[in-house]
Amino acid sequence: ITNRYIEKCILFFRKEVLNMKKQPIIVAQIMGKWVGGGVEAVIMNYYRNIDRSKVQFDFICDEDSTNIPYDEIKKLGGRVIICPPYQKIFEYERFLIDLFKKNNYKIVHSNINALSVFPLRAAKKTGVPIRIAHSHSTTNKKEWKKNLMKQALRPFSKKYATDYFACSELAGRWLFGDKTFEQGKVTIINNAIDLDKFKYDEKVRKEKRKELNINDDTLVVGHIGRFVEQKNHTFLIDIFNELHKKEKNSILLLIGQGPLMSEIKQKVDSLGISDSVKFLGQRNDANELYNIMDLFLFPSLYEGLGMVLIEAQANGLPCIASTEVPKIADISNNVQFYDLNDSIDIWLKNYDTNRFKFICKNCIYDIKKEAEKLEKYYIKIGKE
């Protein structure tokens, strides 16, 4: 064996070692059904802002998902992997077991709340060392059918997880329990956003109002959320209906989609306010649409945090929300909270439509800072 051959071997192995060092940690993000909701928006915000040369994501999505941003994920270097829906539990688990074995993930991060028990069980079976359960929400007694499953699965939330994440204290206590939270075992991952992206822009306001045929002097009330029971569109329509009686030159913008959209449209028709309610569907320009609005309504039955409320405030919008939304979501002192049992007259007693200058009193919602923290967390636990 010549010295030249030995030198070539050394150079080759050095190159391979350097290449190995450069490989990013791949995190398997369990997304459930990607339908354009807040959880998906949160994970994508983090994905856009982490250093993807160090951490990359594989998005594991149910096959009945409807709004997966394939092109953007591919452009950013990630992958989308389609799996059977979690309702087909045996197929779902078999698929994940095969997937986890094949890809040899070090981190599986499940974003499906109480249902995380299923993918994390598969992850433990295949020896995945880091298994994160992430609580993004809570519950409400009005969704009793949905609650049955949540309550049945909640005691198992910690059984297969090694790490506990939550978007707020409320969400963390709900899924993992008071004792676990008070022991400091729950890491808060804030639903952070690009604050600059949501800044108020007068030029955009005029352009978007023109695009939607809305006059400059029209009072615009807005809401962004899926048409599901949690978002409480029925009550939201009742609130707007009463406001519209006083403010004839007003409209309601509803952004989102979901199974209850037809039902809400019927309610709007029955109240005779169809000409004053615009259903915009799923949009990719929500950050621009906030500029059109003068008031943001958010009467949710429950929220882990309520990311759209953060976005609305970043735009300078006065907001009215239910007391079921965590108070930590008020980052501007411009959110009025009311109990869902309060009358509509109380909800509308002191509403304001004057936009304020947003100054973040609690910048834990700055995605640039928060993404760096999450990135460091992944790298740290990925090396353990």
Protein backbone atom coordinates (compact mmCIF):
# COMPACT_ATOMS: atom_id res chain seq x y z
CA ILE A 1 0.00 0.00 0.00
CA THR A 2 1.58 3.27 -1.14
CA ASN A 3 1.72 6.44 0.90
CA ARG A 4 -0.30 8.17 -1.86
CA TYR A 5 -3.07 5.61 -1.51
CA ILE A 6 -3.13 6.10 2.28
CA GLU A 7 -3.33 9.87 1.83
CA LYS A 8 -6.27 9.48 -0.55
CA CYS A 9 -8.06 7.28 1.98
CA ILE A 10 -7.48 9.82 4.74
CA LEU A 11 -8.81 12.64 2.55
CA PHE A 12 -11.84 10.55 1.60
CA PHE A 13 -12.72 9.75 5.21
CA ARG A 14 -12.16 13.36 6.28
CA LYS A 15 -14.58 14.45 3.55
CA GLU A 16 -17.14 11.87 4.68
CA VAL A 17 -16.84 12.98 8.30
CA LEU A 18 -17.33 16.62 7.27
CA ASN A 19 -20.38 15.66 5.23
CA MET A 20 -21.80 13.77 8.19
CA LYS A 21 -21.32 16.82 10.39
CA LYS A 22 -23.18 18.98 7.90
CA GLN A 23 -26.26 16.76 7.77
CA PRO A 24 -29.21 18.45 9.52
CA ILE A 25 -31.23 16.77 12.24
CA ILE A 26 -34.45 15.51 10.67
CA VAL A 27 -37.51 16.00 12.89
CA ALA A 28 -40.64 14.00 12.08
CA GLN A 29 -43.50 16.45 12.57
CA ILE A 30 -46.78 14.59 13.12
CA MET A 31 -49.39 16.98 11.71
CA GLY A 32 -52.59 14.95 11.59
CA LYS A 33 -55.04 16.50 9.12
CA TRP A 34 -53.57 19.54 7.39
CA VAL A 35 -56.66 21.65 6.77
CA GLY A 36 -55.34 25.20 7.03
CA GLY A 37 -55.72 25.60 10.79
CA GLY A 38 -53.69 27.42 13.41
CA VAL A 39 -51.47 24.48 14.38
CA GLU A 40 -50.23 24.08 10.83
CA ALA A 41 -49.56 27.82 10.65
CA VAL A 42 -47.53 27.69 13.87
CA ILE A 43 -45.32 24.83 12.70
CA MET A 44 -44.81 26.44 9.30
CA ASN A 45 -43.83 29.75 10.95
CA TYR A 46 -41.13 27.93 12.87
CA TYR A 47 -40.06 25.96 9.81
CA ARG A 48 -39.60 29.11 7.72
CA ASN A 49 -37.42 30.70 10.39
CA ILE A 50 -35.17 27.94 11.73
CA ASP A 51 -31.74 27.33 10.27
CA ARG A 52 -32.69 24.51 7.90
CA SER A 53 -29.05 23.59 7.33
CA LYS A 54 -29.09 22.42 10.95
CA VAL A 55 -32.68 21.22 11.41
CA GLN A 56 -35.06 19.91 8.77
CA PHE A 57 -38.64 18.69 8.97
CA ASP A 58 -40.48 15.72 7.55
CA PHE A 59 -44.21 16.55 7.70
CA ILE A 60 -46.31 13.43 8.38
CA CYS A 61 -49.86 14.24 7.24
CA ASP A 62 -53.09 12.25 7.04
CA GLU A 63 -54.15 11.35 3.52
CA ASP A 64 -57.44 13.29 3.89
CA SER A 65 -55.56 16.58 4.39
CA THR A 66 -56.70 19.41 2.11
CA ASN A 67 -54.28 22.35 2.27
CA ILE A 68 -50.72 21.04 2.44
CA PRO A 69 -48.27 23.62 0.97
CA TYR A 70 -46.28 21.03 -0.99
CA ASP A 71 -44.39 23.51 -3.15
CA GLU A 72 -43.20 25.69 -0.27
CA ILE A 73 -42.11 22.73 1.84
CA LYS A 74 -40.18 21.23 -1.09
CA LYS A 75 -38.56 24.59 -1.83
CA LEU A 76 -37.41 24.86 1.79
CA GLY A 77 -35.86 21.40 1.63
CA GLY A 78 -38.47 19.46 3.57
CA ARG A 79 -40.61 16.46 2.74
CA VAL A 80 -44.30 15.67 2.99
CA ILE A 81 -45.15 12.06 3.83
CA ILE A 82 -48.77 10.99 3.50
CA CYS A 83 -50.08 8.38 5.92
CA PRO A 84 -53.46 6.70 6.55
CA PRO A 85 -55.85 8.81 8.66
CA TYR A 86 -55.61 8.23 12.40
CA GLN A 87 -59.22 6.95 12.40
CA LYS A 88 -57.82 3.78 10.76
CA ILE A 89 -55.74 3.26 13.84
CA PHE A 90 -54.17 -0.12 12.98
CA GLU A 91 -53.14 0.94 9.45
CA TYR A 92 -51.95 4.25 10.88
CA GLU A 93 -49.72 2.63 13.49
CA ARG A 94 -48.31 0.03 11.06
CA PHE A 95 -47.44 2.76 8.58
CA LEU A 96 -45.68 4.86 11.21
CA ILE A 97 -43.73 1.91 12.59
CA ASP A 98 -42.43 1.12 9.10
CA LEU A 99 -41.68 4.80 8.46
CA PHE A 100 -39.81 5.32 11.72
CA LYS A 101 -37.73 2.18 11.17
CA LYS A 102 -36.87 3.17 7.61
CA ASN A 103 -35.84 6.74 8.42
CA ASN A 104 -34.22 6.15 11.80
CA TYR A 105 -35.52 9.43 13.27
CA LYS A 106 -34.00 10.70 16.50
CA ILE A 107 -36.91 13.10 17.14
CA VAL A 108 -40.63 12.63 16.60
CA HIS A 109 -42.67 15.74 17.41
CA SER A 110 -46.42 15.12 17.60
CA ASN A 111 -48.78 18.09 17.22
CA ILE A 112 -52.13 16.33 17.59
CA ASN A 113 -52.79 16.95 21.29
CA ALA A 114 -54.43 14.00 23.10
CA LEU A 115 -54.14 11.85 19.96
CA SER A 116 -50.34 12.04 20.21
CA VAL A 117 -50.44 8.83 22.20
CA PHE A 118 -50.76 6.83 18.95
CA PRO A 119 -47.78 8.13 16.91
CA LEU A 120 -45.61 8.32 20.02
CA ARG A 121 -46.40 4.72 20.87
CA ALA A 122 -45.23 3.75 17.39
CA ALA A 123 -42.13 5.87 17.91
CA LYS A 124 -41.30 4.15 21.18
CA LYS A 125 -41.79 0.71 19.64
CA THR A 126 -39.19 1.55 17.01
CA GLY A 127 -36.70 3.01 19.47
CA VAL A 128 -37.01 6.71 18.62
CA PRO A 129 -35.14 8.31 21.57
CA ILE A 130 -36.86 11.73 21.63
CA ARG A 131 -40.68 11.72 21.53
CA ILE A 132 -42.35 15.11 21.94
CA ALA A 133 -46.03 15.54 22.82
CA HIS A 134 -47.19 19.09 22.01
CA SER A 135 -50.41 20.54 23.46
CA HIS A 136 -51.81 23.21 21.15
CA SER A 137 -55.29 23.54 22.64
CA THR A 138 -57.69 22.76 25.49
CA THR A 139 -61.39 21.83 25.48
CA ASN A 140 -64.87 23.11 26.29
CA LYS A 141 -67.92 21.38 27.75
CA LYS A 142 -70.05 22.41 24.76
CA GLU A 143 -68.07 20.03 22.54
CA TRP A 144 -69.07 17.06 24.65
CA LYS A 145 -68.81 14.43 21.90
CA LYS A 146 -65.29 15.51 21.02
CA ASN A 147 -64.47 15.75 24.72
CA LEU A 148 -65.21 12.07 25.31
CA MET A 149 -62.26 11.05 23.17
CA LYS A 150 -60.02 13.82 24.50
CA GLN A 151 -60.75 12.97 28.11
CA ALA A 152 -60.30 9.24 27.47
CA LEU A 153 -56.88 9.75 25.88
CA ARG A 154 -55.59 12.55 28.10
CA PRO A 155 -54.34 10.25 30.92
CA PHE A 156 -52.03 8.60 28.35
CA SER A 157 -50.52 11.90 27.14
CA LYS A 158 -47.26 11.28 29.00
CA LYS A 159 -47.04 7.50 28.65
CA TYR A 160 -44.92 7.42 25.48
CA ALA A 161 -43.53 10.98 25.45
CA THR A 162 -40.07 11.94 26.65
CA ASP A 163 -40.61 15.70 26.29
CA TYR A 164 -43.69 17.86 26.85
CA PHE A 165 -44.43 21.01 24.85
CA ALA A 166 -47.37 23.43 25.11
CA CYS A 167 -48.35 26.71 23.48
CA SER A 168 -49.41 28.20 26.82
CA GLU A 169 -49.63 27.41 30.52
CA LEU A 170 -53.34 26.65 30.13
CA ALA A 171 -52.72 24.18 27.32
CA GLY A 172 -49.84 22.58 29.23
CA ARG A 173 -51.83 22.11 32.42
CA TRP A 174 -54.81 20.75 30.49
CA LEU A 175 -52.93 17.95 28.70
CA PHE A 176 -50.14 17.11 31.11
CA GLY A 177 -51.62 18.03 34.47
CA ASP A 178 -50.93 20.66 37.12
CA LYS A 179 -48.30 18.61 38.91
CA THR A 180 -46.22 18.01 35.79
CA PHE A 181 -46.45 21.67 34.83
CA GLU A 182 -45.51 22.90 38.31
CA GLN A 183 -42.50 20.57 38.34
CA GLY A 184 -41.18 22.51 35.35
CA LYS A 185 -41.42 19.56 32.98
CA VAL A 186 -43.45 21.38 30.31
CA THR A 187 -41.63 23.57 27.80
CA ILE A 188 -43.66 26.50 26.48
CA ILE A 189 -43.28 26.89 22.71
CA ASN A 190 -44.87 30.23 21.96
CA ASN A 191 -47.12 30.60 18.91
CA ALA A 192 -44.75 33.17 17.49
CA ILE A 193 -45.17 35.12 14.25
CA ASP A 194 -43.21 37.43 12.00
CA LEU A 195 -44.37 40.65 13.66
CA ASP A 196 -43.17 42.81 10.77
CA LYS A 197 -45.32 40.84 8.33
CA PHE A 198 -48.48 41.91 10.17
CA LYS A 199 -47.72 45.62 10.56
CA TYR A 200 -50.54 47.93 9.50
CA ASP A 201 -50.19 49.30 5.97
CA GLU A 202 -52.53 52.06 4.80
CA LYS A 203 -51.67 51.44 1.15
CA VAL A 204 -52.54 47.75 1.42
CA ARG A 205 -55.78 48.67 3.21
CA LYS A 206 -56.92 50.78 0.27
CA GLU A 207 -55.83 48.21 -2.32
CA LYS A 208 -57.55 45.30 -0.59
CA ARG A 209 -60.74 47.24 0.08
CA LYS A 210 -60.89 48.14 -3.60
CA GLU A 211 -60.27 44.50 -4.54
CA LEU A 212 -63.21 43.38 -2.36
CA ASN A 213 -65.46 46.32 -3.31
CA ILE A 214 -65.52 47.76 0.20
CA ASN A 215 -65.89 51.51 0.59
CA ASP A 216 -63.37 53.50 2.60
CA ASP A 217 -65.98 54.55 5.16
CA THR A 218 -67.44 51.06 5.73
CA LEU A 219 -66.95 49.54 9.18
CA VAL A 220 -65.33 46.13 8.70
CA VAL A 221 -65.51 43.48 11.41
CA GLY A 222 -63.24 40.49 10.88
CA HIS A 223 -62.65 36.93 12.01
CA ILE A 224 -60.20 34.26 10.92
CA GLY A 225 -60.81 30.65 11.86
CA ARG A 226 -62.02 27.27 10.68
CA PHE A 227 -65.74 26.71 10.56
CA VAL A 228 -65.82 24.29 13.47
CA GLU A 229 -67.72 24.40 16.74
CA GLN A 230 -64.69 25.59 18.69
CA LYS A 231 -64.61 28.94 16.85
CA ASN A 232 -68.24 29.67 17.80
CA HIS A 233 -69.34 31.24 14.50
CA THR A 234 -73.00 31.01 15.52
CA PHE A 235 -72.49 33.46 18.37
CA LEU A 236 -70.16 35.56 16.23
CA ILE A 237 -72.96 36.03 13.66
CA ASP A 238 -75.36 37.02 16.43
CA ILE A 239 -72.90 39.65 17.66
CA PHE A 240 -72.41 41.10 14.21
CA ASN A 241 -76.15 41.07 13.52
CA GLU A 242 -76.75 43.31 16.55
CA LEU A 243 -73.85 45.58 15.65
CA HIS A 244 -75.15 45.83 12.07
CA LYS A 245 -78.52 47.08 13.33
CA LYS A 246 -76.70 50.07 14.82
CA GLU A 247 -74.04 50.44 12.12
CA LYS A 248 -75.81 49.89 8.79
CA ASN A 249 -72.67 50.67 6.84
CA SER A 250 -70.82 47.63 8.19
CA ILE A 251 -69.76 44.24 6.91
CA LEU A 252 -68.32 41.06 8.39
CA LEU A 253 -65.35 39.28 6.81
CA LEU A 254 -65.12 35.55 7.56
CA ILE A 255 -61.83 33.96 6.51
CA GLY A 256 -61.43 30.19 6.64
CA GLN A 257 -63.21 27.02 5.68
CA GLY A 258 -64.58 23.98 7.46
CA PRO A 259 -67.48 21.57 7.89
CA LEU A 260 -69.87 24.11 9.44
CA MET A 261 -69.57 26.74 6.71
CA SER A 262 -72.86 25.79 5.01
CA GLU A 263 -74.69 25.91 8.33
CA ILE A 264 -73.33 29.39 9.07
CA LYS A 265 -74.27 30.61 5.58
CA GLN A 266 -77.82 29.41 6.20
CA LYS A 267 -77.90 31.34 9.47
CA VAL A 268 -76.68 34.49 7.73
CA ASP A 269 -79.40 34.07 5.08
CA SER A 270 -82.09 33.56 7.72
CA LEU A 271 -81.10 36.83 9.41
CA GLY A 272 -81.26 38.70 6.11
CA ILE A 273 -77.68 39.97 6.28
CA SER A 274 -76.16 38.03 3.35
CA ASP A 275 -75.19 41.26 1.57
CA SER A 276 -73.20 42.34 4.62
CA VAL A 277 -71.25 39.12 5.28
CA LYS A 278 -68.39 38.04 3.02
CA PHE A 279 -67.18 34.43 3.14
CA LEU A 280 -63.63 34.60 1.77
CA GLY A 281 -62.67 30.96 2.26
CA GLN A 282 -59.09 29.83 2.83
CA ARG A 283 -56.66 32.62 2.02
CA ASN A 284 -52.90 32.99 1.74
CA ASP A 285 -53.01 36.76 2.24
CA ALA A 286 -54.44 36.91 5.76
CA ASN A 287 -51.66 39.25 6.86
CA GLU A 288 -52.90 41.76 4.26
CA LEU A 289 -56.59 41.24 5.03
CA TYR A 290 -56.13 42.41 8.62
CA ASN A 291 -55.46 45.86 7.15
CA ILE A 292 -59.03 46.01 5.82
CA MET A 293 -60.58 45.40 9.24
CA ASP A 294 -61.55 47.88 11.94
CA LEU A 295 -62.46 45.39 14.67
CA PHE A 296 -61.55 41.74 15.29
CA LEU A 297 -64.00 39.31 16.93
CA PHE A 298 -62.81 36.09 18.57
CA PRO A 299 -65.56 34.43 20.67
CA SER A 300 -64.00 30.94 20.79
CA LEU A 301 -65.33 28.20 23.04
CA TYR A 302 -61.71 27.39 23.94
CA GLU A 303 -58.17 28.11 22.76
CA GLY A 304 -54.71 26.95 23.69
CA LEU A 305 -53.63 30.48 22.83
CA GLY A 306 -55.28 31.92 19.71
CA MET A 307 -52.60 32.86 17.19
CA VAL A 308 -54.89 34.98 15.00
CA LEU A 309 -55.53 37.20 18.02
CA ILE A 310 -51.78 37.82 18.25
CA GLU A 311 -51.68 38.63 14.52
CA ALA A 312 -54.66 41.01 14.77
CA GLN A 313 -52.98 42.96 17.57
CA ALA A 314 -49.72 43.14 15.64
CA ASN A 315 -51.78 44.91 12.97
CA GLY A 316 -53.09 47.38 15.54
CA LEU A 317 -56.65 46.09 15.57
CA PRO A 318 -58.87 46.50 18.63
CA CYS A 319 -60.11 43.02 19.56
CA ILE A 320 -63.01 41.45 21.42
CA ALA A 321 -62.51 37.89 22.66
CA SER A 322 -64.14 35.39 24.98
CA THR A 323 -62.74 34.69 28.43
CA GLU A 324 -62.05 31.16 27.19
CA VAL A 325 -59.05 32.63 25.34
CA PRO A 326 -55.96 32.77 27.60
CA LYS A 327 -55.22 36.27 28.90
CA ILE A 328 -51.60 35.82 27.87
CA ALA A 329 -52.84 36.33 24.31
CA ASP A 330 -53.39 40.02 25.13
CA ILE A 331 -50.03 41.47 24.14
CA SER A 332 -51.21 45.04 23.61
CA ASN A 333 -53.75 45.87 26.33
CA ASN A 334 -56.25 46.37 23.50
CA VAL A 335 -58.26 43.17 23.90
CA GLN A 336 -61.62 43.24 25.66
CA PHE A 337 -62.57 39.87 27.18
CA TYR A 338 -66.20 38.85 27.81
CA ASP A 339 -67.83 35.75 29.19
CA LEU A 340 -69.75 33.68 26.67
CA ASN A 341 -72.75 33.85 29.00
CA ASP A 342 -72.76 37.65 28.87
CA SER A 343 -75.43 39.27 26.71
CA ILE A 344 -74.54 40.63 23.27
CA ASP A 345 -75.30 44.10 24.60
CA ILE A 346 -72.42 43.68 27.05
CA TRP A 347 -70.12 42.41 24.29
CA LEU A 348 -70.86 45.53 22.24
CA LYS A 349 -71.09 48.02 25.08
CA ASN A 350 -67.60 49.47 24.77
CA TYR A 351 -66.32 48.31 21.40
CA ASP A 352 -63.73 50.52 19.74
CA THR A 353 -62.77 50.76 16.08
CA ASN A 354 -59.74 53.04 16.37
CA ARG A 355 -56.57 51.29 15.27
CA PHE A 356 -53.68 51.63 17.74
CA LYS A 357 -49.94 51.71 17.26
CA PHE A 358 -48.70 48.26 18.17
CA ILE A 359 -45.83 48.00 20.61
CA CYS A 360 -45.16 44.45 21.74
CA LYS A 361 -45.07 44.43 25.52
CA ASN A 362 -44.09 40.77 25.51
CA CYS A 363 -41.96 39.79 22.54
CA ILE A 364 -42.07 36.09 23.25
CA TYR A 365 -44.15 36.08 20.07
CA ASP A 366 -41.30 37.23 17.82
CA ILE A 367 -40.69 34.23 15.55
CA LYS A 368 -37.08 35.16 14.82
CA LYS A 369 -36.15 34.82 18.49
CA GLU A 370 -38.41 31.88 19.26
CA ALA A 371 -37.32 29.85 16.22
CA GLU A 372 -33.72 30.13 17.33
CA LYS A 373 -34.68 28.78 20.76
CA LEU A 374 -36.53 25.81 19.27
CA GLU A 375 -33.67 25.11 16.90
CA LYS A 376 -31.21 24.99 19.81
CA TYR A 377 -33.57 22.72 21.74
CA TYR A 378 -33.76 20.24 18.84
CA ILE A 379 -30.00 20.26 18.40
CA LYS A 380 -29.37 19.78 22.12
CA ILE A 381 -31.77 16.87 22.59
CA GLY A 382 -30.77 15.44 19.22
CA LYS A 383 -27.21 15.07 20.42
CA GLU A 384 -28.05 13.49 23.78
